[in-house]
N, C-alpha and C. Protein backbone atom coordinates (compact mmCIF):
# COMPACT_ATOMS: atom_id res chain seq x y z
N MET A 1 -20.14 -8.46 26.57
CA MET A 1 -20.63 -8.17 27.89
C MET A 1 -21.74 -7.12 27.78
N GLU A 2 -22.83 -7.36 28.48
CA GLU A 2 -23.96 -6.43 28.49
C GLU A 2 -24.24 -6.01 29.92
N ALA A 3 -25.05 -4.98 30.06
CA ALA A 3 -25.42 -4.51 31.40
C ALA A 3 -26.92 -4.31 31.46
N LEU A 4 -27.46 -4.62 32.62
CA LEU A 4 -28.87 -4.40 32.90
C LEU A 4 -28.94 -3.38 34.03
N PHE A 5 -29.70 -2.31 33.83
CA PHE A 5 -29.85 -1.28 34.87
C PHE A 5 -31.23 -1.41 35.49
N LEU A 6 -31.26 -1.41 36.82
CA LEU A 6 -32.50 -1.47 37.58
C LEU A 6 -32.55 -0.24 38.47
N ALA A 7 -33.72 0.35 38.62
CA ALA A 7 -33.84 1.54 39.46
C ALA A 7 -35.15 1.50 40.23
N THR A 8 -35.11 2.02 41.45
CA THR A 8 -36.31 2.17 42.26
C THR A 8 -36.06 3.29 43.27
N ASN A 9 -37.09 3.66 43.95
CA ASN A 9 -37.03 4.64 45.03
C ASN A 9 -37.57 3.98 46.28
N PHE A 10 -37.03 4.39 47.43
CA PHE A 10 -37.58 3.89 48.68
C PHE A 10 -37.66 5.02 49.69
N GLU A 11 -38.58 4.88 50.63
CA GLU A 11 -38.77 5.89 51.65
C GLU A 11 -38.53 5.29 53.03
N VAL A 12 -37.84 6.05 53.87
CA VAL A 12 -37.69 5.71 55.28
C VAL A 12 -38.30 6.84 56.10
N THR A 13 -38.86 6.50 57.25
CA THR A 13 -39.55 7.50 58.06
C THR A 13 -38.64 8.19 59.06
N GLN A 14 -37.46 7.64 59.26
CA GLN A 14 -36.50 8.25 60.18
C GLN A 14 -35.08 7.91 59.72
N ARG A 15 -34.12 8.68 60.20
CA ARG A 15 -32.72 8.40 59.88
C ARG A 15 -32.37 7.00 60.39
N ARG A 16 -31.67 6.23 59.55
CA ARG A 16 -31.30 4.88 59.98
C ARG A 16 -30.13 4.35 59.20
N ALA A 17 -29.45 3.38 59.79
CA ALA A 17 -28.36 2.67 59.14
C ALA A 17 -28.95 1.44 58.45
N LEU A 18 -28.51 1.22 57.23
CA LEU A 18 -28.97 0.06 56.46
C LEU A 18 -27.77 -0.68 55.90
N LYS A 19 -27.94 -1.97 55.74
CA LYS A 19 -26.99 -2.79 55.00
C LYS A 19 -27.72 -3.33 53.78
N VAL A 20 -27.11 -3.17 52.63
CA VAL A 20 -27.68 -3.68 51.38
C VAL A 20 -26.78 -4.79 50.89
N PHE A 21 -27.35 -5.97 50.77
CA PHE A 21 -26.62 -7.15 50.30
C PHE A 21 -27.15 -7.50 48.91
N PRO A 22 -26.56 -6.94 47.86
CA PRO A 22 -26.97 -7.36 46.53
C PRO A 22 -26.29 -8.68 46.19
N ALA A 23 -27.06 -9.67 45.87
CA ALA A 23 -26.52 -10.97 45.49
C ALA A 23 -26.61 -11.10 43.98
N ALA A 24 -25.51 -11.46 43.37
CA ALA A 24 -25.49 -11.58 41.91
C ALA A 24 -24.50 -12.65 41.49
N THR A 25 -24.76 -13.22 40.36
CA THR A 25 -23.84 -14.21 39.82
C THR A 25 -22.69 -13.54 39.08
N GLU A 26 -22.86 -12.26 38.78
CA GLU A 26 -21.84 -11.55 38.02
C GLU A 26 -21.66 -10.15 38.60
N GLY A 27 -20.90 -9.29 37.97
CA GLY A 27 -20.57 -8.00 38.53
C GLY A 27 -21.76 -7.09 38.75
N ILE A 28 -21.66 -6.24 39.77
CA ILE A 28 -22.72 -5.27 40.04
C ILE A 28 -22.12 -3.95 40.52
N ARG A 29 -22.87 -2.88 40.29
CA ARG A 29 -22.57 -1.58 40.86
C ARG A 29 -23.88 -1.06 41.43
N LEU A 30 -23.78 -0.35 42.56
CA LEU A 30 -24.98 0.15 43.22
C LEU A 30 -24.77 1.61 43.60
N TRP A 31 -25.70 2.46 43.17
CA TRP A 31 -25.67 3.88 43.49
C TRP A 31 -26.84 4.21 44.41
N LEU A 32 -26.60 5.04 45.40
CA LEU A 32 -27.65 5.55 46.27
C LEU A 32 -27.62 7.06 46.18
N ASP A 33 -28.73 7.62 45.74
CA ASP A 33 -28.84 9.08 45.57
C ASP A 33 -27.68 9.64 44.74
N GLY A 34 -27.30 8.92 43.71
CA GLY A 34 -26.26 9.37 42.79
C GLY A 34 -24.83 9.05 43.19
N ALA A 35 -24.62 8.53 44.40
CA ALA A 35 -23.26 8.21 44.86
C ALA A 35 -23.02 6.70 44.73
N LEU A 36 -21.92 6.33 44.12
CA LEU A 36 -21.56 4.92 44.01
C LEU A 36 -21.20 4.39 45.40
N VAL A 37 -21.97 3.42 45.89
CA VAL A 37 -21.72 2.87 47.23
C VAL A 37 -21.21 1.44 47.19
N LEU A 38 -21.24 0.81 46.01
CA LEU A 38 -20.73 -0.55 45.90
C LEU A 38 -20.34 -0.85 44.46
N SER A 39 -19.19 -1.46 44.29
CA SER A 39 -18.76 -1.95 42.99
C SER A 39 -18.12 -3.30 43.23
N TRP A 40 -18.66 -4.33 42.58
CA TRP A 40 -18.16 -5.69 42.79
C TRP A 40 -18.08 -6.38 41.44
N GLU A 41 -16.94 -7.00 41.17
CA GLU A 41 -16.75 -7.74 39.92
C GLU A 41 -16.42 -9.17 40.26
N GLY A 42 -16.98 -10.07 39.50
CA GLY A 42 -16.68 -11.48 39.72
C GLY A 42 -17.80 -12.35 39.20
N VAL A 43 -17.57 -13.62 39.26
CA VAL A 43 -18.57 -14.61 38.87
C VAL A 43 -18.63 -15.63 40.00
N LYS A 44 -19.84 -15.90 40.49
CA LYS A 44 -19.98 -16.85 41.58
C LYS A 44 -21.40 -17.42 41.57
N PRO A 45 -21.63 -18.49 42.32
CA PRO A 45 -23.00 -19.02 42.40
C PRO A 45 -23.94 -18.02 43.06
N PHE A 46 -25.22 -18.11 42.76
CA PHE A 46 -26.23 -17.21 43.32
C PHE A 46 -26.57 -17.66 44.73
N LEU A 47 -26.12 -16.90 45.74
CA LEU A 47 -26.34 -17.22 47.15
C LEU A 47 -26.87 -15.98 47.87
N PRO A 48 -28.17 -15.68 47.75
CA PRO A 48 -28.69 -14.44 48.34
C PRO A 48 -28.95 -14.56 49.85
N ALA A 49 -27.90 -14.51 50.64
CA ALA A 49 -28.03 -14.56 52.09
C ALA A 49 -26.97 -13.67 52.72
N PRO A 50 -27.34 -12.80 53.65
CA PRO A 50 -26.38 -11.88 54.23
C PRO A 50 -25.25 -12.55 55.00
N HIS A 51 -25.49 -13.72 55.54
CA HIS A 51 -24.48 -14.35 56.38
C HIS A 51 -23.42 -15.11 55.59
N ARG A 52 -23.57 -15.21 54.30
CA ARG A 52 -22.59 -15.96 53.50
C ARG A 52 -21.35 -15.12 53.25
N PRO A 53 -20.18 -15.66 53.59
CA PRO A 53 -18.94 -14.91 53.35
C PRO A 53 -18.74 -14.64 51.86
N GLY A 54 -18.21 -13.49 51.55
CA GLY A 54 -17.90 -13.15 50.17
C GLY A 54 -18.99 -12.43 49.43
N ASN A 55 -20.20 -12.35 50.00
CA ASN A 55 -21.25 -11.59 49.33
C ASN A 55 -20.94 -10.10 49.43
N PRO A 56 -21.20 -9.34 48.37
CA PRO A 56 -20.97 -7.91 48.43
C PRO A 56 -21.90 -7.25 49.45
N LEU A 57 -21.47 -6.13 50.00
CA LEU A 57 -22.21 -5.43 51.05
C LEU A 57 -21.98 -3.94 50.92
N ALA A 58 -23.06 -3.17 51.02
CA ALA A 58 -22.98 -1.72 51.10
C ALA A 58 -23.63 -1.31 52.42
N GLN A 59 -22.88 -0.59 53.26
CA GLN A 59 -23.42 -0.07 54.51
C GLN A 59 -23.65 1.42 54.32
N VAL A 60 -24.88 1.86 54.56
CA VAL A 60 -25.23 3.26 54.31
C VAL A 60 -26.04 3.81 55.47
N GLU A 61 -25.97 5.11 55.64
CA GLU A 61 -26.83 5.85 56.58
C GLU A 61 -27.73 6.71 55.71
N VAL A 62 -29.04 6.64 55.95
CA VAL A 62 -29.97 7.44 55.15
C VAL A 62 -30.80 8.31 56.08
N GLU A 63 -31.11 9.49 55.58
CA GLU A 63 -31.99 10.42 56.29
C GLU A 63 -33.44 10.05 56.01
N ALA A 64 -34.35 10.55 56.81
CA ALA A 64 -35.77 10.34 56.55
C ALA A 64 -36.12 10.92 55.19
N GLY A 65 -36.98 10.23 54.46
CA GLY A 65 -37.42 10.70 53.15
C GLY A 65 -37.19 9.67 52.07
N TRP A 66 -37.29 10.14 50.84
CA TRP A 66 -37.16 9.28 49.66
C TRP A 66 -35.71 9.21 49.19
N HIS A 67 -35.32 8.05 48.69
CA HIS A 67 -33.97 7.82 48.19
C HIS A 67 -34.04 7.03 46.88
N ARG A 68 -33.12 7.33 45.98
CA ARG A 68 -33.07 6.67 44.66
C ARG A 68 -31.95 5.64 44.65
N VAL A 69 -32.27 4.42 44.22
CA VAL A 69 -31.29 3.35 44.08
C VAL A 69 -31.22 2.95 42.62
N VAL A 70 -30.01 2.87 42.09
CA VAL A 70 -29.77 2.38 40.74
C VAL A 70 -28.75 1.25 40.86
N VAL A 71 -29.06 0.13 40.22
CA VAL A 71 -28.18 -1.03 40.24
C VAL A 71 -27.84 -1.39 38.80
N GLU A 72 -26.56 -1.60 38.56
CA GLU A 72 -26.10 -2.10 37.26
C GLU A 72 -25.65 -3.54 37.45
N VAL A 73 -26.27 -4.44 36.72
CA VAL A 73 -25.87 -5.85 36.73
C VAL A 73 -25.11 -6.09 35.44
N VAL A 74 -23.84 -6.45 35.56
CA VAL A 74 -23.01 -6.69 34.39
C VAL A 74 -23.18 -8.16 34.00
N ALA A 75 -23.73 -8.38 32.84
CA ALA A 75 -24.04 -9.74 32.39
C ALA A 75 -22.93 -10.27 31.50
N GLN A 76 -22.19 -11.23 32.01
CA GLN A 76 -21.15 -11.87 31.23
C GLN A 76 -21.63 -13.19 30.65
N SER A 77 -22.77 -13.69 31.14
CA SER A 77 -23.35 -14.92 30.61
C SER A 77 -24.76 -14.61 30.11
N SER A 78 -25.42 -15.62 29.59
CA SER A 78 -26.76 -15.40 29.06
C SER A 78 -27.84 -15.48 30.13
N ALA A 79 -27.49 -15.85 31.36
CA ALA A 79 -28.50 -16.02 32.40
C ALA A 79 -28.01 -15.49 33.76
N PRO A 80 -27.74 -14.18 33.86
CA PRO A 80 -27.31 -13.65 35.16
C PRO A 80 -28.47 -13.69 36.16
N GLU A 81 -28.14 -13.86 37.44
CA GLU A 81 -29.15 -13.84 38.50
C GLU A 81 -28.83 -12.68 39.43
N PHE A 82 -29.89 -12.05 39.97
CA PHE A 82 -29.71 -10.91 40.85
C PHE A 82 -30.84 -10.86 41.85
N GLY A 83 -30.52 -10.42 43.05
CA GLY A 83 -31.51 -10.16 44.09
C GLY A 83 -30.84 -9.29 45.14
N TRP A 84 -31.63 -8.80 46.09
CA TRP A 84 -31.00 -8.06 47.16
C TRP A 84 -31.78 -8.22 48.44
N ILE A 85 -31.08 -8.02 49.52
CA ILE A 85 -31.65 -8.08 50.85
C ILE A 85 -31.23 -6.79 51.55
N VAL A 86 -32.18 -6.14 52.23
CA VAL A 86 -31.88 -4.94 53.00
C VAL A 86 -32.09 -5.28 54.47
N THR A 87 -31.06 -5.02 55.28
CA THR A 87 -31.15 -5.32 56.71
C THR A 87 -30.80 -4.08 57.52
N ASP A 88 -31.06 -4.18 58.83
CA ASP A 88 -30.58 -3.15 59.73
C ASP A 88 -29.17 -3.50 60.17
N GLU A 89 -28.60 -2.72 61.09
CA GLU A 89 -27.21 -2.95 61.49
C GLU A 89 -27.01 -4.29 62.20
N LYS A 90 -28.10 -4.92 62.67
CA LYS A 90 -28.00 -6.23 63.34
C LYS A 90 -28.36 -7.39 62.40
N ASN A 91 -28.43 -7.11 61.11
CA ASN A 91 -28.76 -8.08 60.06
C ASN A 91 -30.19 -8.60 60.14
N HIS A 92 -31.12 -7.82 60.73
CA HIS A 92 -32.54 -8.15 60.70
C HIS A 92 -33.13 -7.58 59.42
N HIS A 93 -33.92 -8.36 58.73
CA HIS A 93 -34.53 -7.89 57.48
C HIS A 93 -35.36 -6.63 57.75
N VAL A 94 -35.21 -5.65 56.88
CA VAL A 94 -35.98 -4.41 56.97
C VAL A 94 -37.20 -4.58 56.07
N ILE A 95 -38.36 -4.59 56.68
CA ILE A 95 -39.58 -4.83 55.92
C ILE A 95 -40.49 -3.61 55.84
N ASP A 96 -40.09 -2.50 56.47
CA ASP A 96 -40.96 -1.33 56.48
C ASP A 96 -40.55 -0.24 55.48
N LEU A 97 -39.72 -0.58 54.51
CA LEU A 97 -39.40 0.39 53.46
C LEU A 97 -40.56 0.48 52.49
N LYS A 98 -40.86 1.67 52.05
CA LYS A 98 -41.90 1.87 51.05
C LYS A 98 -41.20 2.09 49.71
N TYR A 99 -41.49 1.24 48.73
CA TYR A 99 -40.87 1.34 47.41
C TYR A 99 -41.85 1.95 46.42
N SER A 100 -41.31 2.69 45.46
CA SER A 100 -42.15 3.27 44.42
C SER A 100 -41.29 3.60 43.20
N ALA A 101 -41.87 3.46 42.03
CA ALA A 101 -41.16 3.84 40.81
C ALA A 101 -40.94 5.36 40.79
N ARG A 102 -41.87 6.09 41.40
CA ARG A 102 -41.74 7.55 41.53
C ARG A 102 -42.04 7.95 42.95
N PRO A 103 -41.17 8.75 43.55
CA PRO A 103 -41.43 9.18 44.94
C PRO A 103 -42.57 10.18 45.05
């Protein structure tokens, strides 16, 4: 078993509630600003859609400013798939996040 770590930073302009739906074929862990907010283990088909039952979900409240996200994808096969969707509390896609490798 191997692990792939992905990291990015994002900025929000005001305090807001977010839902993060990481879709993966295998296990994942997600940290926000150093705090583990999601841990999911399993193997399933790749279905990156928030409305699908059984997809992992992290609900977070973030303050205005920059935030660090680290994702660990646990690879049990030779071809793991991963993606994520960020929505607001009503499951509308959030498209105004600013991402950067460095804040």
